[in-house]
Amino acid sequence: MRRVDVSDKHDTDAISGLISTLLKELGEDPGREGLERTPERVANSMRFLTQGYDQDPVEILNNAIFEEDYDEMVLVKDIDFYSLCEHHLLPFFGRAHVAYIPNGRIVGLSKLPRMVEMFARRLQVQERLTKEIAETLDKVLRPRGVAVVVESIHLCMMMRGVGQQNAFAISSSLRGVFQEDSKTRAEFMELIRHHKPSFA
């Protein structure tokens, strides 16, 4: 899928025009002082919030893979992320926990948060976000196992619809030994169970 850079003025102008039309349909005057530059700001914001379409997750990981004889769990937890729900274009945000057990190869630790952010910077649903992170790490690194847990709150549940202010969603994707071995799975769950999720 081709995406145009945020700095592309023609593309930004097209989105700005759509936002102006939206404001009019909502009964607002896009020409008044407070809204005069809002269409342009929203266009730039949407390009930033969806920049993950322009990035290749395989390339992100492949640039930092190293041969290493290490066969215990590697875990990066509490990775903050912000995304947009594709159903209502409202934010959902929270934390991701990503673990793998190497099979002769490791990846630079900073690449795991980068991969999470890249997938989050697309129109998403939490379940797909969780699966995409696990699938990519499994495909590129070929480890003995991968585990991903995502915890988040969804403004579409808080601001509209059911109006649930305290509900949060948890999704997981387990592969390899994390799925097959209950002891390994339990160790991972215990390591990430160090706090009650708080996204304030």
N, C-alpha and C. Protein backbone atom coordinates (compact mmCIF):
# COMPACT_ATOMS: atom_id res chain seq x y z
N MET A 1 0.84 -1.20 0.00
CA MET A 1 0.00 0.00 0.00
C MET A 1 0.88 1.25 0.00
N ARG A 2 0.66 2.14 -0.95
CA ARG A 2 1.45 3.35 -1.04
C ARG A 2 0.89 4.43 -0.14
N ARG A 3 1.78 5.06 0.62
CA ARG A 3 1.38 6.16 1.48
C ARG A 3 2.19 7.39 1.11
N VAL A 4 1.57 8.55 1.20
CA VAL A 4 2.25 9.79 0.85
C VAL A 4 2.81 10.41 2.11
N ASP A 5 3.99 10.96 2.02
CA ASP A 5 4.65 11.56 3.17
C ASP A 5 3.83 12.71 3.74
N VAL A 6 3.97 12.90 5.08
CA VAL A 6 3.24 13.97 5.76
C VAL A 6 3.53 15.32 5.15
N SER A 7 4.71 15.48 4.61
CA SER A 7 5.11 16.78 4.07
C SER A 7 4.54 17.04 2.68
N ASP A 8 3.87 16.09 2.08
CA ASP A 8 3.29 16.24 0.76
C ASP A 8 2.10 17.19 0.84
N LYS A 9 2.30 18.43 0.34
CA LYS A 9 1.27 19.47 0.51
C LYS A 9 0.00 19.14 -0.26
N HIS A 10 0.14 18.56 -1.46
CA HIS A 10 -1.04 18.23 -2.24
C HIS A 10 -1.93 17.24 -1.49
N ASP A 11 -1.29 16.21 -0.92
CA ASP A 11 -2.05 15.21 -0.18
C ASP A 11 -2.69 15.81 1.06
N THR A 12 -1.93 16.66 1.78
CA THR A 12 -2.46 17.31 2.97
C THR A 12 -3.64 18.21 2.62
N ASP A 13 -3.55 18.91 1.48
CA ASP A 13 -4.65 19.76 1.04
C ASP A 13 -5.91 18.94 0.78
N ALA A 14 -5.74 17.74 0.23
CA ALA A 14 -6.90 16.89 -0.06
C ALA A 14 -7.59 16.48 1.24
N ILE A 15 -6.82 16.09 2.23
CA ILE A 15 -7.40 15.70 3.53
C ILE A 15 -8.01 16.92 4.21
N SER A 16 -7.33 18.07 4.12
CA SER A 16 -7.85 19.30 4.72
C SER A 16 -9.22 19.64 4.17
N GLY A 17 -9.39 19.46 2.86
CA GLY A 17 -10.69 19.73 2.24
C GLY A 17 -11.78 18.82 2.80
N LEU A 18 -11.44 17.58 3.02
CA LEU A 18 -12.41 16.64 3.59
C LEU A 18 -12.78 17.03 5.02
N ILE A 19 -11.80 17.49 5.78
CA ILE A 19 -12.06 17.90 7.16
C ILE A 19 -12.94 19.16 7.18
N SER A 20 -12.68 20.07 6.26
CA SER A 20 -13.52 21.27 6.16
C SER A 20 -14.98 20.89 5.89
N THR A 21 -15.16 19.95 4.98
CA THR A 21 -16.51 19.48 4.67
C THR A 21 -17.14 18.83 5.89
N LEU A 22 -16.38 18.05 6.62
CA LEU A 22 -16.88 17.40 7.83
C LEU A 22 -17.34 18.44 8.85
N LEU A 23 -16.53 19.47 9.05
CA LEU A 23 -16.89 20.53 10.01
C LEU A 23 -18.20 21.20 9.61
N LYS A 24 -18.36 21.45 8.33
CA LYS A 24 -19.60 22.06 7.84
C LYS A 24 -20.80 21.15 8.09
N GLU A 25 -20.62 19.85 7.84
CA GLU A 25 -21.70 18.89 8.06
C GLU A 25 -22.08 18.79 9.53
N LEU A 26 -21.12 19.09 10.41
CA LEU A 26 -21.39 19.07 11.85
C LEU A 26 -22.03 20.37 12.33
N GLY A 27 -22.22 21.33 11.42
CA GLY A 27 -22.84 22.59 11.78
C GLY A 27 -21.87 23.67 12.18
N GLU A 28 -20.57 23.45 11.93
CA GLU A 28 -19.56 24.43 12.29
C GLU A 28 -19.15 25.28 11.09
N ASP A 29 -18.46 26.36 11.40
CA ASP A 29 -17.91 27.24 10.37
C ASP A 29 -16.40 27.06 10.34
N PRO A 30 -15.86 26.33 9.36
CA PRO A 30 -14.42 26.09 9.32
C PRO A 30 -13.61 27.35 9.07
N GLY A 31 -14.27 28.46 8.76
CA GLY A 31 -13.56 29.70 8.53
C GLY A 31 -13.40 30.57 9.76
N ARG A 32 -14.06 30.19 10.87
CA ARG A 32 -13.95 31.03 12.07
C ARG A 32 -12.56 30.88 12.70
N GLU A 33 -12.21 31.83 13.55
CA GLU A 33 -10.84 31.93 14.05
C GLU A 33 -10.32 30.63 14.67
N GLY A 34 -11.11 30.02 15.53
CA GLY A 34 -10.62 28.83 16.23
C GLY A 34 -10.45 27.61 15.34
N LEU A 35 -11.17 27.59 14.21
CA LEU A 35 -11.14 26.42 13.33
C LEU A 35 -10.40 26.68 12.01
N GLU A 36 -9.93 27.89 11.83
CA GLU A 36 -9.37 28.27 10.53
C GLU A 36 -8.25 27.33 10.06
N ARG A 37 -7.39 26.93 10.97
CA ARG A 37 -6.28 26.05 10.59
C ARG A 37 -6.48 24.61 11.05
N THR A 38 -7.65 24.32 11.59
CA THR A 38 -7.92 22.96 12.08
C THR A 38 -7.84 21.91 10.98
N PRO A 39 -8.42 22.14 9.80
CA PRO A 39 -8.31 21.10 8.75
C PRO A 39 -6.86 20.73 8.43
N GLU A 40 -5.99 21.71 8.35
CA GLU A 40 -4.58 21.42 8.07
C GLU A 40 -3.93 20.67 9.23
N ARG A 41 -4.25 21.11 10.46
CA ARG A 41 -3.68 20.43 11.62
C ARG A 41 -4.14 18.98 11.71
N VAL A 42 -5.42 18.73 11.44
CA VAL A 42 -5.94 17.37 11.49
C VAL A 42 -5.30 16.51 10.40
N ALA A 43 -5.12 17.08 9.22
CA ALA A 43 -4.48 16.35 8.12
C ALA A 43 -3.07 15.91 8.51
N ASN A 44 -2.29 16.84 9.06
CA ASN A 44 -0.93 16.50 9.49
C ASN A 44 -0.94 15.48 10.62
N SER A 45 -1.89 15.64 11.52
CA SER A 45 -2.00 14.70 12.64
C SER A 45 -2.32 13.29 12.15
N MET A 46 -3.26 13.16 11.23
CA MET A 46 -3.63 11.85 10.72
C MET A 46 -2.48 11.19 9.98
N ARG A 47 -1.70 11.98 9.25
CA ARG A 47 -0.53 11.42 8.57
C ARG A 47 0.48 10.90 9.58
N PHE A 48 0.67 11.64 10.67
CA PHE A 48 1.60 11.19 11.71
C PHE A 48 1.09 9.92 12.39
N LEU A 49 -0.20 9.91 12.72
CA LEU A 49 -0.77 8.79 13.47
C LEU A 49 -0.88 7.51 12.65
N THR A 50 -0.76 7.61 11.34
CA THR A 50 -0.85 6.42 10.48
C THR A 50 0.44 6.19 9.70
N GLN A 51 1.55 6.72 10.18
CA GLN A 51 2.81 6.59 9.45
C GLN A 51 3.34 5.16 9.43
N GLY A 52 2.76 4.28 10.22
CA GLY A 52 3.19 2.89 10.22
C GLY A 52 2.98 2.19 8.89
N TYR A 53 2.07 2.70 8.06
CA TYR A 53 1.88 2.10 6.74
C TYR A 53 3.12 2.24 5.87
N ASP A 54 3.93 3.23 6.14
CA ASP A 54 5.12 3.49 5.34
C ASP A 54 6.33 2.68 5.78
N GLN A 55 6.20 1.95 6.88
CA GLN A 55 7.35 1.25 7.45
C GLN A 55 7.23 -0.25 7.26
N ASP A 56 8.37 -0.90 7.11
CA ASP A 56 8.42 -2.34 6.89
C ASP A 56 8.92 -3.02 8.16
N PRO A 57 8.08 -3.82 8.82
CA PRO A 57 8.49 -4.44 10.09
C PRO A 57 9.66 -5.40 9.93
N VAL A 58 9.71 -6.09 8.79
CA VAL A 58 10.82 -7.02 8.54
C VAL A 58 12.14 -6.26 8.46
N GLU A 59 12.10 -5.13 7.79
CA GLU A 59 13.30 -4.31 7.67
C GLU A 59 13.75 -3.79 9.04
N ILE A 60 12.79 -3.40 9.87
CA ILE A 60 13.12 -2.91 11.22
C ILE A 60 13.90 -3.96 12.00
N LEU A 61 13.44 -5.21 11.95
CA LEU A 61 14.08 -6.28 12.72
C LEU A 61 15.38 -6.77 12.07
N ASN A 62 15.37 -6.88 10.75
CA ASN A 62 16.53 -7.44 10.05
C ASN A 62 17.79 -6.61 10.23
N ASN A 63 17.64 -5.34 10.51
CA ASN A 63 18.80 -4.47 10.68
C ASN A 63 19.52 -4.70 12.00
N ALA A 64 18.96 -5.53 12.87
CA ALA A 64 19.57 -5.70 14.20
C ALA A 64 19.45 -7.14 14.70
N ILE A 65 19.70 -8.11 13.84
CA ILE A 65 19.68 -9.51 14.24
C ILE A 65 21.12 -10.01 14.39
N PHE A 66 21.37 -10.70 15.50
CA PHE A 66 22.72 -11.14 15.80
C PHE A 66 22.72 -12.61 16.19
N GLU A 67 23.76 -13.32 15.80
CA GLU A 67 23.96 -14.70 16.22
C GLU A 67 24.39 -14.70 17.69
N GLU A 68 23.68 -15.47 18.52
CA GLU A 68 24.02 -15.50 19.94
C GLU A 68 23.52 -16.82 20.54
N ASP A 69 24.39 -17.47 21.30
CA ASP A 69 24.03 -18.73 21.94
C ASP A 69 23.36 -18.44 23.29
N TYR A 70 22.10 -18.05 23.22
CA TYR A 70 21.31 -17.73 24.42
C TYR A 70 19.95 -18.37 24.25
N ASP A 71 19.52 -19.16 25.24
CA ASP A 71 18.28 -19.91 25.05
C ASP A 71 17.26 -19.71 26.16
N GLU A 72 17.38 -18.60 26.90
CA GLU A 72 16.38 -18.27 27.91
C GLU A 72 15.47 -17.17 27.39
N MET A 73 14.41 -16.89 28.14
CA MET A 73 13.43 -15.91 27.70
C MET A 73 13.99 -14.50 27.62
N VAL A 74 13.63 -13.79 26.57
CA VAL A 74 13.93 -12.36 26.43
C VAL A 74 12.58 -11.64 26.45
N LEU A 75 12.43 -10.70 27.35
CA LEU A 75 11.14 -10.02 27.52
C LEU A 75 11.34 -8.52 27.60
N VAL A 76 10.58 -7.78 26.81
CA VAL A 76 10.47 -6.33 26.95
C VAL A 76 9.02 -6.05 27.29
N LYS A 77 8.78 -5.53 28.49
CA LYS A 77 7.41 -5.32 28.92
C LYS A 77 7.12 -3.83 29.11
N ASP A 78 5.84 -3.54 29.27
CA ASP A 78 5.38 -2.16 29.47
C ASP A 78 5.80 -1.24 28.32
N ILE A 79 5.62 -1.71 27.10
CA ILE A 79 5.88 -0.89 25.92
C ILE A 79 4.63 -0.03 25.66
N ASP A 80 4.75 1.25 25.88
CA ASP A 80 3.61 2.15 25.65
C ASP A 80 3.30 2.27 24.17
N PHE A 81 2.02 2.32 23.83
CA PHE A 81 1.64 2.54 22.43
C PHE A 81 0.33 3.32 22.38
N TYR A 82 0.13 3.96 21.25
CA TYR A 82 -1.10 4.70 20.95
C TYR A 82 -1.53 4.33 19.54
N SER A 83 -2.81 4.01 19.38
CA SER A 83 -3.30 3.62 18.07
C SER A 83 -4.69 4.20 17.84
N LEU A 84 -5.21 4.00 16.64
CA LEU A 84 -6.55 4.46 16.28
C LEU A 84 -7.41 3.26 15.91
N CYS A 85 -8.54 3.14 16.58
CA CYS A 85 -9.50 2.09 16.26
C CYS A 85 -10.06 2.32 14.86
N GLU A 86 -10.01 1.30 14.03
CA GLU A 86 -10.47 1.47 12.65
C GLU A 86 -11.99 1.56 12.53
N HIS A 87 -12.71 1.25 13.59
CA HIS A 87 -14.17 1.29 13.52
C HIS A 87 -14.74 2.69 13.74
N HIS A 88 -14.10 3.47 14.63
CA HIS A 88 -14.61 4.81 14.94
C HIS A 88 -13.56 5.90 14.81
N LEU A 89 -12.33 5.52 14.47
CA LEU A 89 -11.20 6.47 14.39
C LEU A 89 -10.99 7.19 15.72
N LEU A 90 -11.26 6.49 16.80
CA LEU A 90 -10.98 7.01 18.13
C LEU A 90 -9.77 6.27 18.70
N PRO A 91 -9.00 6.91 19.58
CA PRO A 91 -7.79 6.27 20.10
C PRO A 91 -8.06 5.09 21.01
N PHE A 92 -7.16 4.13 20.96
CA PHE A 92 -7.00 3.16 22.04
C PHE A 92 -5.51 3.10 22.34
N PHE A 93 -5.19 2.90 23.61
CA PHE A 93 -3.78 2.98 24.00
C PHE A 93 -3.55 2.16 25.25
N GLY A 94 -2.30 1.81 25.45
CA GLY A 94 -1.97 1.00 26.61
C GLY A 94 -0.54 0.53 26.57
N ARG A 95 -0.34 -0.76 26.91
CA ARG A 95 1.00 -1.32 26.99
C ARG A 95 1.03 -2.69 26.31
N ALA A 96 2.18 -2.98 25.71
CA ALA A 96 2.41 -4.30 25.12
C ALA A 96 3.58 -4.96 25.84
N HIS A 97 3.49 -6.27 25.98
CA HIS A 97 4.57 -7.08 26.55
C HIS A 97 4.97 -8.09 25.48
N VAL A 98 6.24 -8.09 25.10
CA VAL A 98 6.71 -8.94 24.00
C VAL A 98 7.88 -9.79 24.49
N ALA A 99 7.75 -11.10 24.29
CA ALA A 99 8.80 -12.02 24.73
C ALA A 99 9.09 -13.04 23.63
N TYR A 100 10.31 -13.55 23.64
CA TYR A 100 10.65 -14.66 22.75
C TYR A 100 11.77 -15.48 23.39
N ILE A 101 11.88 -16.72 22.96
CA ILE A 101 12.97 -17.59 23.39
C ILE A 101 13.84 -17.86 22.17
N PRO A 102 15.06 -17.36 22.17
CA PRO A 102 15.92 -17.43 20.98
C PRO A 102 16.22 -18.86 20.54
N ASN A 103 16.55 -18.97 19.29
CA ASN A 103 16.99 -20.24 18.71
C ASN A 103 18.27 -19.98 17.92
N GLY A 104 19.26 -19.40 18.63
CA GLY A 104 20.54 -19.09 17.99
C GLY A 104 20.65 -17.67 17.49
N ARG A 105 19.54 -16.91 17.54
CA ARG A 105 19.58 -15.52 17.06
C ARG A 105 18.79 -14.63 18.01
N ILE A 106 19.30 -13.44 18.23
CA ILE A 106 18.60 -12.44 19.04
C ILE A 106 18.44 -11.17 18.21
N VAL A 107 17.58 -10.28 18.69
CA VAL A 107 17.36 -9.01 18.02
C VAL A 107 17.61 -7.89 19.01
N GLY A 108 18.10 -6.75 18.54
CA GLY A 108 18.32 -5.61 19.41
C GLY A 108 17.06 -5.25 20.18
N LEU A 109 17.19 -5.06 21.48
CA LEU A 109 16.02 -4.86 22.33
C LEU A 109 15.17 -3.68 21.90
N SER A 110 15.80 -2.61 21.43
CA SER A 110 15.04 -1.41 21.04
C SER A 110 14.15 -1.66 19.83
N LYS A 111 14.42 -2.72 19.08
CA LYS A 111 13.62 -3.00 17.88
C LYS A 111 12.22 -3.51 18.23
N LEU A 112 12.07 -4.10 19.42
CA LEU A 112 10.75 -4.60 19.80
C LEU A 112 9.76 -3.45 20.03
N PRO A 113 10.12 -2.41 20.82
CA PRO A 113 9.22 -1.26 20.91
C PRO A 113 8.99 -0.57 19.57
N ARG A 114 10.02 -0.52 18.73
CA ARG A 114 9.84 0.10 17.41
C ARG A 114 8.83 -0.66 16.58
N MET A 115 8.86 -1.98 16.65
CA MET A 115 7.91 -2.79 15.90
C MET A 115 6.50 -2.59 16.43
N VAL A 116 6.35 -2.55 17.75
CA VAL A 116 5.04 -2.30 18.34
C VAL A 116 4.50 -0.97 17.87
N GLU A 117 5.33 0.07 17.93
CA GLU A 117 4.88 1.40 17.52
C GLU A 117 4.50 1.42 16.04
N MET A 118 5.28 0.74 15.21
CA MET A 118 4.99 0.73 13.77
C MET A 118 3.61 0.15 13.48
N PHE A 119 3.29 -0.99 14.10
CA PHE A 119 1.97 -1.59 13.87
C PHE A 119 0.86 -0.75 14.51
N ALA A 120 1.16 -0.09 15.63
CA ALA A 120 0.15 0.75 16.28
C ALA A 120 -0.17 1.98 15.46
N ARG A 121 0.80 2.46 14.66
CA ARG A 121 0.60 3.66 13.85
C ARG A 121 -0.10 3.31 12.53
N ARG A 122 -1.13 2.51 12.66
CA ARG A 122 -2.02 2.17 11.54
C ARG A 122 -3.43 2.13 12.10
N LEU A 123 -4.42 2.17 11.24
CA LEU A 123 -5.78 1.94 11.72
C LEU A 123 -5.85 0.48 12.15
N GLN A 124 -6.28 0.24 13.39
CA GLN A 124 -6.11 -1.08 13.97
C GLN A 124 -7.33 -1.55 14.74
N VAL A 125 -7.32 -2.84 15.04
CA VAL A 125 -8.10 -3.43 16.12
C VAL A 125 -7.07 -4.11 17.03
N GLN A 126 -7.34 -4.18 18.30
CA GLN A 126 -6.34 -4.69 19.24
C GLN A 126 -5.94 -6.13 18.94
N GLU A 127 -6.91 -6.93 18.54
CA GLU A 127 -6.61 -8.33 18.28
C GLU A 127 -5.62 -8.48 17.13
N ARG A 128 -5.80 -7.72 16.06
CA ARG A 128 -4.88 -7.80 14.92
C ARG A 128 -3.52 -7.25 15.28
N LEU A 129 -3.50 -6.15 16.03
CA LEU A 129 -2.23 -5.58 16.48
C LEU A 129 -1.41 -6.63 17.23
N THR A 130 -2.05 -7.34 18.14
CA THR A 130 -1.37 -8.38 18.93
C THR A 130 -0.81 -9.47 18.03
N LYS A 131 -1.64 -9.93 17.09
CA LYS A 131 -1.24 -11.03 16.21
C LYS A 131 -0.12 -10.60 15.26
N GLU A 132 -0.19 -9.39 14.73
CA GLU A 132 0.83 -8.94 13.79
C GLU A 132 2.21 -8.85 14.44
N ILE A 133 2.26 -8.39 15.69
CA ILE A 133 3.53 -8.32 16.40
C ILE A 133 4.12 -9.72 16.55
N ALA A 134 3.31 -10.67 16.99
CA ALA A 134 3.79 -12.04 17.20
C ALA A 134 4.19 -12.70 15.89
N GLU A 135 3.38 -12.55 14.86
CA GLU A 135 3.67 -13.17 13.56
C GLU A 135 4.98 -12.68 12.97
N THR A 136 5.20 -11.37 13.06
CA THR A 136 6.41 -10.80 12.46
C THR A 136 7.66 -11.27 13.20
N LEU A 137 7.62 -11.25 14.52
CA LEU A 137 8.78 -11.69 15.30
C LEU A 137 9.06 -13.18 15.04
N ASP A 138 8.01 -13.97 14.94
CA ASP A 138 8.16 -15.40 14.67
C ASP A 138 8.74 -15.65 13.29
N LYS A 139 8.27 -14.89 12.31
CA LYS A 139 8.71 -15.07 10.92
C LYS A 139 10.17 -14.66 10.72
N VAL A 140 10.54 -13.53 11.29
CA VAL A 140 11.87 -12.98 11.03
C VAL A 140 12.95 -13.65 11.89
N LEU A 141 12.64 -13.85 13.16
CA LEU A 141 13.67 -14.34 14.08
C LEU A 141 13.71 -15.88 14.16
N ARG A 142 12.61 -16.53 13.82
CA ARG A 142 12.48 -17.99 13.92
C ARG A 142 12.92 -18.51 15.29
N PRO A 143 12.34 -17.97 16.35
CA PRO A 143 12.73 -18.38 17.71
C PRO A 143 12.02 -19.67 18.10
N ARG A 144 12.33 -20.17 19.29
CA ARG A 144 11.65 -21.34 19.81
C ARG A 144 10.22 -21.02 20.24
N GLY A 145 9.96 -19.75 20.52
CA GLY A 145 8.61 -19.35 20.90
C GLY A 145 8.48 -17.84 20.98
N VAL A 146 7.25 -17.36 20.84
CA VAL A 146 6.94 -15.93 20.92
C VAL A 146 5.69 -15.76 21.77
N ALA A 147 5.68 -14.73 22.61
CA ALA A 147 4.50 -14.41 23.40
C ALA A 147 4.28 -12.90 23.37
N VAL A 148 3.06 -12.51 23.11
CA VAL A 148 2.69 -11.09 23.08
C VAL A 148 1.38 -10.92 23.85
N VAL A 149 1.38 -9.99 24.79
CA VAL A 149 0.15 -9.61 25.50
C VAL A 149 -0.01 -8.11 25.38
N VAL A 150 -1.21 -7.67 25.03
CA VAL A 150 -1.51 -6.25 24.88
C VAL A 150 -2.65 -5.90 25.82
N GLU A 151 -2.46 -4.84 26.61
CA GLU A 151 -3.48 -4.33 27.53
C GLU A 151 -3.79 -2.89 27.11
N SER A 152 -5.05 -2.57 26.94
CA SER A 152 -5.35 -1.20 26.52
C SER A 152 -6.76 -0.79 26.90
N ILE A 153 -6.97 0.51 26.90
CA ILE A 153 -8.31 1.07 27.05
C ILE A 153 -8.70 1.71 25.72
N HIS A 154 -10.00 1.70 25.46
CA HIS A 154 -10.53 2.14 24.17
C HIS A 154 -11.49 3.30 24.39
N LEU A 155 -11.19 4.43 23.81
CA LEU A 155 -12.06 5.60 23.98
C LEU A 155 -13.42 5.39 23.34
N CYS A 156 -13.51 4.48 22.38
CA CYS A 156 -14.84 4.20 21.79
C CYS A 156 -15.76 3.55 22.81
N MET A 157 -15.20 2.88 23.83
CA MET A 157 -16.02 2.32 24.90
C MET A 157 -16.26 3.33 26.01
N MET A 158 -15.37 4.32 26.13
CA MET A 158 -15.49 5.28 27.23
C MET A 158 -16.32 6.50 26.85
N MET A 159 -16.17 7.00 25.63
CA MET A 159 -16.79 8.26 25.22
C MET A 159 -18.14 8.08 24.55
N ARG A 160 -18.44 6.87 24.10
CA ARG A 160 -19.68 6.62 23.38
C ARG A 160 -20.16 5.21 23.71
N GLY A 161 -21.25 4.81 23.10
CA GLY A 161 -21.72 3.44 23.27
C GLY A 161 -21.99 3.07 24.72
N VAL A 162 -21.29 2.04 25.21
CA VAL A 162 -21.56 1.51 26.54
C VAL A 162 -21.06 2.40 27.66
N GLY A 163 -20.17 3.36 27.35
CA GLY A 163 -19.71 4.32 28.35
C GLY A 163 -19.01 3.69 29.54
N GLN A 164 -18.18 2.70 29.30
CA GLN A 164 -17.44 2.01 30.36
C GLN A 164 -16.14 2.75 30.66
N GLN A 165 -16.05 3.36 31.82
CA GLN A 165 -14.88 4.18 32.15
C GLN A 165 -13.71 3.38 32.71
N ASN A 166 -13.97 2.22 33.26
CA ASN A 166 -12.92 1.46 33.94
C ASN A 166 -12.55 0.15 33.26
N ALA A 167 -13.20 -0.17 32.16
CA ALA A 167 -12.92 -1.43 31.47
C ALA A 167 -11.66 -1.30 30.62
N PHE A 168 -10.86 -2.36 30.63
CA PHE A 168 -9.73 -2.41 29.71
C PHE A 168 -9.70 -3.79 29.07
N ALA A 169 -9.08 -3.88 27.92
CA ALA A 169 -9.06 -5.12 27.14
C ALA A 169 -7.67 -5.74 27.16
N ILE A 170 -7.62 -7.06 27.23
CA ILE A 170 -6.37 -7.80 27.19
C ILE A 170 -6.45 -8.81 26.06
N SER A 171 -5.44 -8.83 25.21
CA SER A 171 -5.37 -9.82 24.13
C SER A 171 -3.99 -10.45 24.14
N SER A 172 -3.91 -11.69 23.64
CA SER A 172 -2.63 -12.38 23.65
C SER A 172 -2.45 -13.20 22.38
N SER A 173 -1.17 -13.45 22.07
CA SER A 173 -0.82 -14.34 20.96
C SER A 173 0.41 -15.12 21.40
N LEU A 174 0.25 -16.44 21.52
CA LEU A 174 1.32 -17.31 21.99
C LEU A 174 1.69 -18.31 20.90
N ARG A 175 3.00 -18.48 20.70
CA ARG A 175 3.47 -19.38 19.66
C ARG A 175 4.61 -20.25 20.18
N GLY A 176 4.79 -21.40 19.56
CA GLY A 176 5.89 -22.28 19.92
C GLY A 176 5.81 -22.75 21.35
N VAL A 177 6.93 -22.69 22.08
CA VAL A 177 6.97 -23.24 23.44
C VAL A 177 6.05 -22.50 24.40
N PHE A 178 5.74 -21.24 24.11
CA PHE A 178 4.82 -20.51 24.99
C PHE A 178 3.42 -21.11 24.91
N GLN A 179 3.09 -21.66 23.77
CA GLN A 179 1.78 -22.29 23.60
C GLN A 179 1.80 -23.75 24.06
N GLU A 180 2.94 -24.42 23.84
CA GLU A 180 3.02 -25.85 24.09
C GLU A 180 3.41 -26.21 25.53
N ASP A 181 4.17 -25.36 26.18
CA ASP A 181 4.72 -25.68 27.49
C ASP A 181 4.09 -24.79 28.56
N SER A 182 3.31 -25.38 29.45
CA SER A 182 2.59 -24.60 30.46
C SER A 182 3.54 -23.90 31.43
N LYS A 183 4.69 -24.51 31.71
CA LYS A 183 5.64 -23.89 32.64
C LYS A 183 6.23 -22.61 32.05
N THR A 184 6.58 -22.67 30.78
CA THR A 184 7.13 -21.47 30.11
C THR A 184 6.08 -20.38 30.03
N ARG A 185 4.85 -20.78 29.70
CA ARG A 185 3.75 -19.81 29.62
C ARG A 185 3.49 -19.17 30.97
N ALA A 186 3.51 -19.97 32.02
CA ALA A 186 3.27 -19.46 33.37
C ALA A 186 4.37 -18.50 33.80
N GLU A 187 5.61 -18.80 33.42
CA GLU A 187 6.72 -17.90 33.77
C GLU A 187 6.54 -16.54 33.11
N PHE A 188 6.15 -16.56 31.84
CA PHE A 188 5.91 -15.30 31.12
C PHE A 188 4.79 -14.50 31.78
N MET A 189 3.69 -15.16 32.09
CA MET A 189 2.56 -14.47 32.69
C MET A 189 2.92 -13.90 34.06
N GLU A 190 3.73 -14.61 34.80
CA GLU A 190 4.14 -14.12 36.11
C GLU A 190 5.05 -12.90 35.98
N LEU A 191 5.91 -12.91 34.99
CA LEU A 191 6.84 -11.79 34.79
C LEU A 191 6.12 -10.50 34.40
N ILE A 192 5.01 -10.61 33.70
CA ILE A 192 4.31 -9.38 33.29
C ILE A 192 3.22 -8.99 34.28
N ARG A 193 2.96 -9.84 35.28
CA ARG A 193 1.91 -9.58 36.24
C ARG A 193 2.48 -8.86 37.46
N HIS A 194 3.13 -7.72 37.23
CA HIS A 194 3.78 -7.01 38.33
C HIS A 194 2.99 -5.79 38.78
N HIS A 195 1.91 -5.48 38.10
CA HIS A 195 1.15 -4.29 38.46
C HIS A 195 -0.23 -4.39 37.83
N LYS A 196 -1.15 -3.69 38.44
CA LYS A 196 -2.46 -3.53 37.82
C LYS A 196 -2.34 -2.49 36.73
N PRO A 197 -2.84 -2.76 35.54
CA PRO A 197 -2.71 -1.78 34.46
C PRO A 197 -3.27 -0.43 34.85
N SER A 198 -2.50 0.60 34.58
CA SER A 198 -2.93 1.97 34.83
C SER A 198 -2.48 2.83 33.67
N PHE A 199 -3.44 3.39 32.97
CA PHE A 199 -3.10 4.12 31.76
C PHE A 199 -3.35 5.62 31.91
N ALA A 200 -3.53 6.07 33.14
CA ALA A 200 -3.80 7.50 33.36
C ALA A 200 -2.51 8.30 33.20
